[in-house]
PDB file of N, CA and C in Angstrom:
ATOM      1  N   MET A   1      19.489  27.981  22.238  1.00  0.00           N
ATOM      2  CA  MET A   1      18.258  27.261  22.014  1.00  0.00           C
ATOM      3  C   MET A   1      17.998  27.195  20.502  1.00  0.00           C
ATOM      4  N   PRO A   2      17.741  25.965  19.968  1.00  0.00           N
ATOM      5  CA  PRO A   2      17.494  25.843  18.535  1.00  0.00           C
ATOM      6  C   PRO A   2      16.171  26.499  18.141  1.00  0.00           C
ATOM      7  N   ARG A   3      16.161  27.002  16.938  1.00  0.00           N
ATOM      8  CA  ARG A   3      14.944  27.625  16.429  1.00  0.00           C
ATOM      9  C   ARG A   3      13.973  26.557  15.945  1.00  0.00           C
ATOM     10  N   PHE A   4      12.714  26.825  16.137  1.00  0.00           N
ATOM     11  CA  PHE A   4      11.655  25.931  15.688  1.00  0.00           C
ATOM     12  C   PHE A   4      11.421  26.169  14.198  1.00  0.00           C
ATOM     13  N   SER A   5      11.409  25.130  13.426  1.00  0.00           N
ATOM     14  CA  SER A   5      11.220  25.257  11.986  1.00  0.00           C
ATOM     15  C   SER A   5      10.050  24.378  11.550  1.00  0.00           C
ATOM     16  N   LEU A   6       9.066  24.994  10.964  1.00  0.00           N
ATOM     17  CA  LEU A   6       7.933  24.230  10.452  1.00  0.00           C
ATOM     18  C   LEU A   6       8.349  23.320   9.304  1.00  0.00           C
ATOM     19  N   THR A   7       9.313  23.746   8.537  1.00  0.00           N
ATOM     20  CA  THR A   7       9.804  22.917   7.435  1.00  0.00           C
ATOM     21  C   THR A   7      10.452  21.646   7.968  1.00  0.00           C
ATOM     22  N   GLN A   8      11.277  21.776   8.999  1.00  0.00           N
ATOM     23  CA  GLN A   8      11.904  20.592   9.599  1.00  0.00           C
ATOM     24  C   GLN A   8      10.857  19.674  10.204  1.00  0.00           C
ATOM     25  N   LEU A   9       9.851  20.242  10.835  1.00  0.00           N
ATOM     26  CA  LEU A   9       8.772  19.442  11.419  1.00  0.00           C
ATOM     27  C   LEU A   9       8.023  18.687  10.320  1.00  0.00           C
ATOM     28  N   ARG A  10       7.733  19.355   9.223  1.00  0.00           N
ATOM     29  CA  ARG A  10       7.023  18.725   8.111  1.00  0.00           C
ATOM     30  C   ARG A  10       7.845  17.575   7.535  1.00  0.00           C
ATOM     31  N   ILE A  11       9.130  17.783   7.357  1.00  0.00           N
ATOM     32  CA  ILE A  11      10.009  16.740   6.824  1.00  0.00           C
ATOM     33  C   ILE A  11      10.058  15.544   7.772  1.00  0.00           C
ATOM     34  N   GLN A  12      10.155  15.811   9.061  1.00  0.00           N
ATOM     35  CA  GLN A  12      10.202  14.719  10.041  1.00  0.00           C
ATOM     36  C   GLN A  12       8.887  13.940  10.065  1.00  0.00           C
ATOM     37  N   LEU A  13       7.775  14.638   9.992  1.00  0.00           N
ATOM     38  CA  LEU A  13       6.475  13.964   9.963  1.00  0.00           C
ATOM     39  C   LEU A  13       6.317  13.111   8.706  1.00  0.00           C
ATOM     40  N   GLN A  14       6.831  13.591   7.589  1.00  0.00           N
ATOM     41  CA  GLN A  14       6.799  12.797   6.357  1.00  0.00           C
ATOM     42  C   GLN A  14       7.638  11.529   6.502  1.00  0.00           C
ATOM     43  N   SER A  15       8.776  11.649   7.157  1.00  0.00           N
ATOM     44  CA  SER A  15       9.618  10.471   7.403  1.00  0.00           C
ATOM     45  C   SER A  15       8.895   9.466   8.273  1.00  0.00           C
ATOM     46  N   TYR A  16       8.265   9.938   9.340  1.00  0.00           N
ATOM     47  CA  TYR A  16       7.517   9.049  10.224  1.00  0.00           C
ATOM     48  C   TYR A  16       6.394   8.335   9.468  1.00  0.00           C
ATOM     49  N   ARG A  17       5.716   9.072   8.602  1.00  0.00           N
ATOM     50  CA  ARG A  17       4.632   8.489   7.825  1.00  0.00           C
ATOM     51  C   ARG A  17       5.162   7.403   6.892  1.00  0.00           C
ATOM     52  N   GLN A  18       6.306   7.644   6.286  1.00  0.00           N
ATOM     53  CA  GLN A  18       6.915   6.650   5.401  1.00  0.00           C
ATOM     54  C   GLN A  18       7.347   5.405   6.182  1.00  0.00           C
ATOM     55  N   TYR A  19       7.945   5.586   7.358  1.00  0.00           N
ATOM     56  CA  TYR A  19       8.321   4.435   8.195  1.00  0.00           C
ATOM     57  C   TYR A  19       7.088   3.591   8.505  1.00  0.00           C
ATOM     58  N   ARG A  20       6.018   4.239   8.901  1.00  0.00           N
ATOM     59  CA  ARG A  20       4.785   3.534   9.277  1.00  0.00           C
ATOM     60  C   ARG A  20       4.220   2.770   8.089  1.00  0.00           C
ATOM     61  N   ARG A  21       4.157   3.421   6.941  1.00  0.00           N
ATOM     62  CA  ARG A  21       3.627   2.785   5.735  1.00  0.00           C
ATOM     63  C   ARG A  21       4.494   1.590   5.327  1.00  0.00           C
ATOM     64  N   SER A  22       5.796   1.756   5.342  1.00  0.00           N
ATOM     65  CA  SER A  22       6.707   0.683   4.959  1.00  0.00           C
ATOM     66  C   SER A  22       6.581  -0.516   5.892  1.00  0.00           C
ATOM     67  N   ARG A  23       6.454  -0.261   7.156  1.00  0.00           N
ATOM     68  CA  ARG A  23       6.349  -1.360   8.122  1.00  0.00           C
ATOM     69  C   ARG A  23       5.031  -2.095   7.992  1.00  0.00           C
ATOM     70  N   ARG A  24       3.959  -1.380   7.705  1.00  0.00           N
ATOM     71  CA  ARG A  24       2.676  -2.048   7.485  1.00  0.00           C
ATOM     72  C   ARG A  24       2.737  -2.911   6.228  1.00  0.00           C
ATOM     73  N   GLN A  25       3.399  -2.422   5.190  1.00  0.00           N
ATOM     74  CA  GLN A  25       3.552  -3.203   3.960  1.00  0.00           C
ATOM     75  C   GLN A  25       4.419  -4.436   4.215  1.00  0.00           C
ATOM     76  N   LEU A  26       5.445  -4.298   5.011  1.00  0.00           N
ATOM     77  CA  LEU A  26       6.319  -5.417   5.349  1.00  0.00           C
ATOM     78  C   LEU A  26       5.523  -6.533   6.024  1.00  0.00           C
ATOM     79  N   LEU A  27       4.619  -6.172   6.925  1.00  0.00           N
ATOM     80  CA  LEU A  27       3.802  -7.172   7.618  1.00  0.00           C
ATOM     81  C   LEU A  27       2.858  -7.901   6.674  1.00  0.00           C
ATOM     82  N   ALA A  28       2.520  -7.294   5.563  1.00  0.00           N
ATOM     83  CA  ALA A  28       1.585  -7.896   4.615  1.00  0.00           C
ATOM     84  C   ALA A  28       2.257  -8.858   3.634  1.00  0.00           C
ATOM     85  N   LEU A  29       3.591  -8.890   3.585  1.00  0.00           N
ATOM     86  CA  LEU A  29       4.289  -9.759   2.643  1.00  0.00           C
ATOM     87  C   LEU A  29       4.204 -11.218   3.058  1.00  0.00           C
ATOM     88  N   ASP A  30       4.135 -12.099   2.062  1.00  0.00           N
ATOM     89  CA  ASP A  30       4.162 -13.525   2.375  1.00  0.00           C
ATOM     90  C   ASP A  30       5.612 -14.000   2.512  1.00  0.00           C
ATOM     91  N   ASP A  31       5.768 -15.240   2.969  1.00  0.00           N
ATOM     92  CA  ASP A  31       7.114 -15.762   3.250  1.00  0.00           C
ATOM     93  C   ASP A  31       8.008 -15.815   2.011  1.00  0.00           C
ATOM     94  N   ARG A  32       7.427 -16.062   0.839  1.00  0.00           N
ATOM     95  CA  ARG A  32       8.207 -16.103  -0.391  1.00  0.00           C
ATOM     96  C   ARG A  32       8.802 -14.727  -0.695  1.00  0.00           C
ATOM     97  N   LEU A  33       8.005 -13.682  -0.539  1.00  0.00           N
ATOM     98  CA  LEU A  33       8.494 -12.333  -0.806  1.00  0.00           C
ATOM     99  C   LEU A  33       9.507 -11.885   0.249  1.00  0.00           C
ATOM    100  N   LEU A  34       9.278 -12.285   1.503  1.00  0.00           N
ATOM    101  CA  LEU A  34      10.255 -11.969   2.549  1.00  0.00           C
ATOM    102  C   LEU A  34      11.600 -12.623   2.233  1.00  0.00           C
ATOM    103  N   ASP A  35      11.543 -13.868   1.760  1.00  0.00           N
ATOM    104  CA  ASP A  35      12.776 -14.556   1.385  1.00  0.00           C
ATOM    105  C   ASP A  35      13.469 -13.835   0.231  1.00  0.00           C
ATOM    106  N   ASP A  36      12.690 -13.296  -0.692  1.00  0.00           N
ATOM    107  CA  ASP A  36      13.262 -12.544  -1.816  1.00  0.00           C
ATOM    108  C   ASP A  36      14.038 -11.314  -1.353  1.00  0.00           C
ATOM    109  N   ILE A  37      13.582 -10.679  -0.280  1.00  0.00           N
ATOM    110  CA  ILE A  37      14.295  -9.489   0.206  1.00  0.00           C
ATOM    111  C   ILE A  37      15.318  -9.832   1.285  1.00  0.00           C
ATOM    112  N   GLY A  38      15.406 -11.113   1.630  1.00  0.00           N
ATOM    113  CA  GLY A  38      16.477 -11.567   2.513  1.00  0.00           C
ATOM    114  C   GLY A  38      16.198 -11.506   3.996  1.00  0.00           C
ATOM    115  N   ILE A  39      14.916 -11.536   4.389  1.00  0.00           N
ATOM    116  CA  ILE A  39      14.596 -11.582   5.815  1.00  0.00           C
ATOM    117  C   ILE A  39      13.572 -12.682   6.071  1.00  0.00           C
ATOM    118  N   ASN A  40      13.476 -13.104   7.314  1.00  0.00           N
ATOM    119  CA  ASN A  40      12.504 -14.140   7.648  1.00  0.00           C
ATOM    120  C   ASN A  40      11.288 -13.519   8.348  1.00  0.00           C
ATOM    121  N   ARG A  41      10.292 -14.341   8.629  1.00  0.00           N
ATOM    122  CA  ARG A  41       9.045 -13.856   9.229  1.00  0.00           C
ATOM    123  C   ARG A  41       9.295 -13.218  10.604  1.00  0.00           C
ATOM    124  N   THR A  42      10.174 -13.801  11.396  1.00  0.00           N
ATOM    125  CA  THR A  42      10.476 -13.256  12.723  1.00  0.00           C
ATOM    126  C   THR A  42      11.062 -11.850  12.622  1.00  0.00           C
ATOM    127  N   GLN A  43      11.987 -11.665  11.703  1.00  0.00           N
ATOM    128  CA  GLN A  43      12.586 -10.338  11.500  1.00  0.00           C
ATOM    129  C   GLN A  43      11.533  -9.346  11.013  1.00  0.00           C
ATOM    130  N   ALA A  44      10.666  -9.795  10.110  1.00  0.00           N
ATOM    131  CA  ALA A  44       9.618  -8.915   9.580  1.00  0.00           C
ATOM    132  C   ALA A  44       8.653  -8.493  10.687  1.00  0.00           C
ATOM    133  N   LEU A  45       8.280  -9.417  11.545  1.00  0.00           N
ATOM    134  CA  LEU A  45       7.376  -9.088  12.653  1.00  0.00           C
ATOM    135  C   LEU A  45       8.028  -8.117  13.632  1.00  0.00           C
ATOM    136  N   LYS A  46       9.302  -8.363  13.918  1.00  0.00           N
ATOM    137  CA  LYS A  46      10.022  -7.478  14.836  1.00  0.00           C
ATOM    138  C   LYS A  46      10.083  -6.057  14.274  1.00  0.00           C
ATOM    139  N   GLU A  47      10.426  -5.942  13.003  1.00  0.00           N
ATOM    140  CA  GLU A  47      10.522  -4.631  12.365  1.00  0.00           C
ATOM    141  C   GLU A  47       9.139  -4.003  12.168  1.00  0.00           C
ATOM    142  N   GLY A  48       8.179  -4.815  11.776  1.00  0.00           N
ATOM    143  CA  GLY A  48       6.845  -4.309  11.475  1.00  0.00           C
ATOM    144  C   GLY A  48       6.087  -3.775  12.668  1.00  0.00           C
ATOM    145  N   HIS A  49       6.407  -4.266  13.850  1.00  0.00           N
ATOM    146  CA  HIS A  49       5.701  -3.829  15.050  1.00  0.00           C
ATOM    147  C   HIS A  49       6.422  -2.736  15.829  1.00  0.00           C
ATOM    148  N   LYS A  50       7.500  -2.224  15.256  1.00  0.00           N
ATOM    149  CA  LYS A  50       8.202  -1.106  15.902  1.00  0.00           C
ATOM    150  C   LYS A  50       7.362   0.160  15.837  1.00  0.00           C
ATOM    151  N   ALA A  51       7.579   1.033  16.778  1.00  0.00           N
ATOM    152  CA  ALA A  51       6.930   2.339  16.740  1.00  0.00           C
ATOM    153  C   ALA A  51       7.428   3.110  15.519  1.00  0.00           C
ATOM    154  N   PHE A  52       6.566   3.900  14.911  1.00  0.00           N
ATOM    155  CA  PHE A  52       6.911   4.564  13.656  1.00  0.00           C
ATOM    156  C   PHE A  52       8.076   5.540  13.779  1.00  0.00           C
ATOM    157  N   TRP A  53       8.379   6.004  14.965  1.00  0.00           N
ATOM    158  CA  TRP A  53       9.456   6.981  15.115  1.00  0.00           C
ATOM    159  C   TRP A  53      10.830   6.329  15.289  1.00  0.00           C
ATOM    160  N   LYS A  54      10.866   5.009  15.393  1.00  0.00           N
ATOM    161  CA  LYS A  54      12.146   4.317  15.547  1.00  0.00           C
ATOM    162  C   LYS A  54      12.688   3.917  14.184  1.00  0.00           C
ATOM    163  N   HIS A  55      14.005   4.015  14.031  1.00  0.00           N
ATOM    164  CA  HIS A  55      14.653   3.662  12.776  1.00  0.00           C
ATOM    165  C   HIS A  55      14.829   2.159  12.678  1.00  0.00           C
ATOM    166  N   SER A  56      15.071   1.706  11.493  1.00  0.00           N
ATOM    167  CA  SER A  56      15.253   0.290  11.225  1.00  0.00           C
ATOM    168  C   SER A  56      16.571  -0.214  11.816  1.00  0.00           C
ATOM    169  N   THR A  57      16.596  -1.495  12.187  1.00  0.00           N
ATOM    170  CA  THR A  57      17.830  -2.118  12.659  1.00  0.00           C
ATOM    171  C   THR A  57      18.486  -2.929  11.554  1.00  0.00           C
ATOM    172  N   PHE A  58      17.822  -3.031  10.402  1.00  0.00           N
ATOM    173  CA  PHE A  58      18.395  -3.787   9.293  1.00  0.00           C
ATOM    174  C   PHE A  58      19.512  -2.998   8.655  1.00  0.00           C
ATOM    175  N   GLN A  59      20.534  -3.718   8.236  1.00  0.00           N
ATOM    176  CA  GLN A  59      21.622  -3.112   7.491  1.00  0.00           C
ATOM    177  C   GLN A  59      21.649  -3.760   6.117  1.00  0.00           C
ATOM    178  N   LYS A  60      21.930  -2.978   5.105  1.00  0.00           N
ATOM    179  CA  LYS A  60      21.998  -3.537   3.761  1.00  0.00           C
ATOM    180  C   LYS A  60      23.083  -4.594   3.690  1.00  0.00           C
ATOM    181  N   GLY A  61      22.737  -5.685   3.007  1.00  0.00           N
ATOM    182  CA  GLY A  61      23.722  -6.723   2.779  1.00  0.00           C
ATOM    183  C   GLY A  61      23.852  -7.736   3.898  1.00  0.00           C
ATOM    184  N   THR A  62      23.048  -7.649   4.922  1.00  0.00           N
ATOM    185  CA  THR A  62      23.130  -8.622   6.014  1.00  0.00           C
ATOM    186  C   THR A  62      21.816  -9.354   6.160  1.00  0.00           C
ATOM    187  N   ASN A  63      21.894 -10.607   6.528  1.00  0.00           N
ATOM    188  CA  ASN A  63      20.696 -11.401   6.731  1.00  0.00           C
ATOM    189  C   ASN A  63      20.682 -11.959   8.154  1.00  0.00           C
ATOM    190  N   GLU A  64      21.358 -11.293   9.046  1.00  0.00           N
ATOM    191  CA  GLU A  64      21.433 -11.737  10.435  1.00  0.00           C
ATOM    192  C   GLU A  64      20.297 -11.154  11.238  1.00  0.00           C
ATOM    193  N   GLU A  65      19.778 -11.958  12.159  1.00  0.00           N
ATOM    194  CA  GLU A  65      18.725 -11.477  13.047  1.00  0.00           C
ATOM    195  C   GLU A  65      19.345 -10.651  14.166  1.00  0.00           C
ATOM    196  N   ARG A  66      18.728  -9.550  14.507  1.00  0.00           N
ATOM    197  CA  ARG A  66      19.243  -8.678  15.558  1.00  0.00           C
ATOM    198  C   ARG A  66      18.424  -8.821  16.803  1.00  0.00           C
TER     199      ARG A  66
END
């Protein structure tokens, strides 16, 4: 049985908070800025509405919709 670590829990919670913040910021971008980062509005909405504990489906260097 793995040991419970408060440090690991704190790190994971910080990651979740960062995912949530990043996704909320992504939803606030206009179409020009989305184009600058290489995604479209549909991709931004899909990513922005994910639950904070789920990882991104975007891969660096790709502009394909998943």
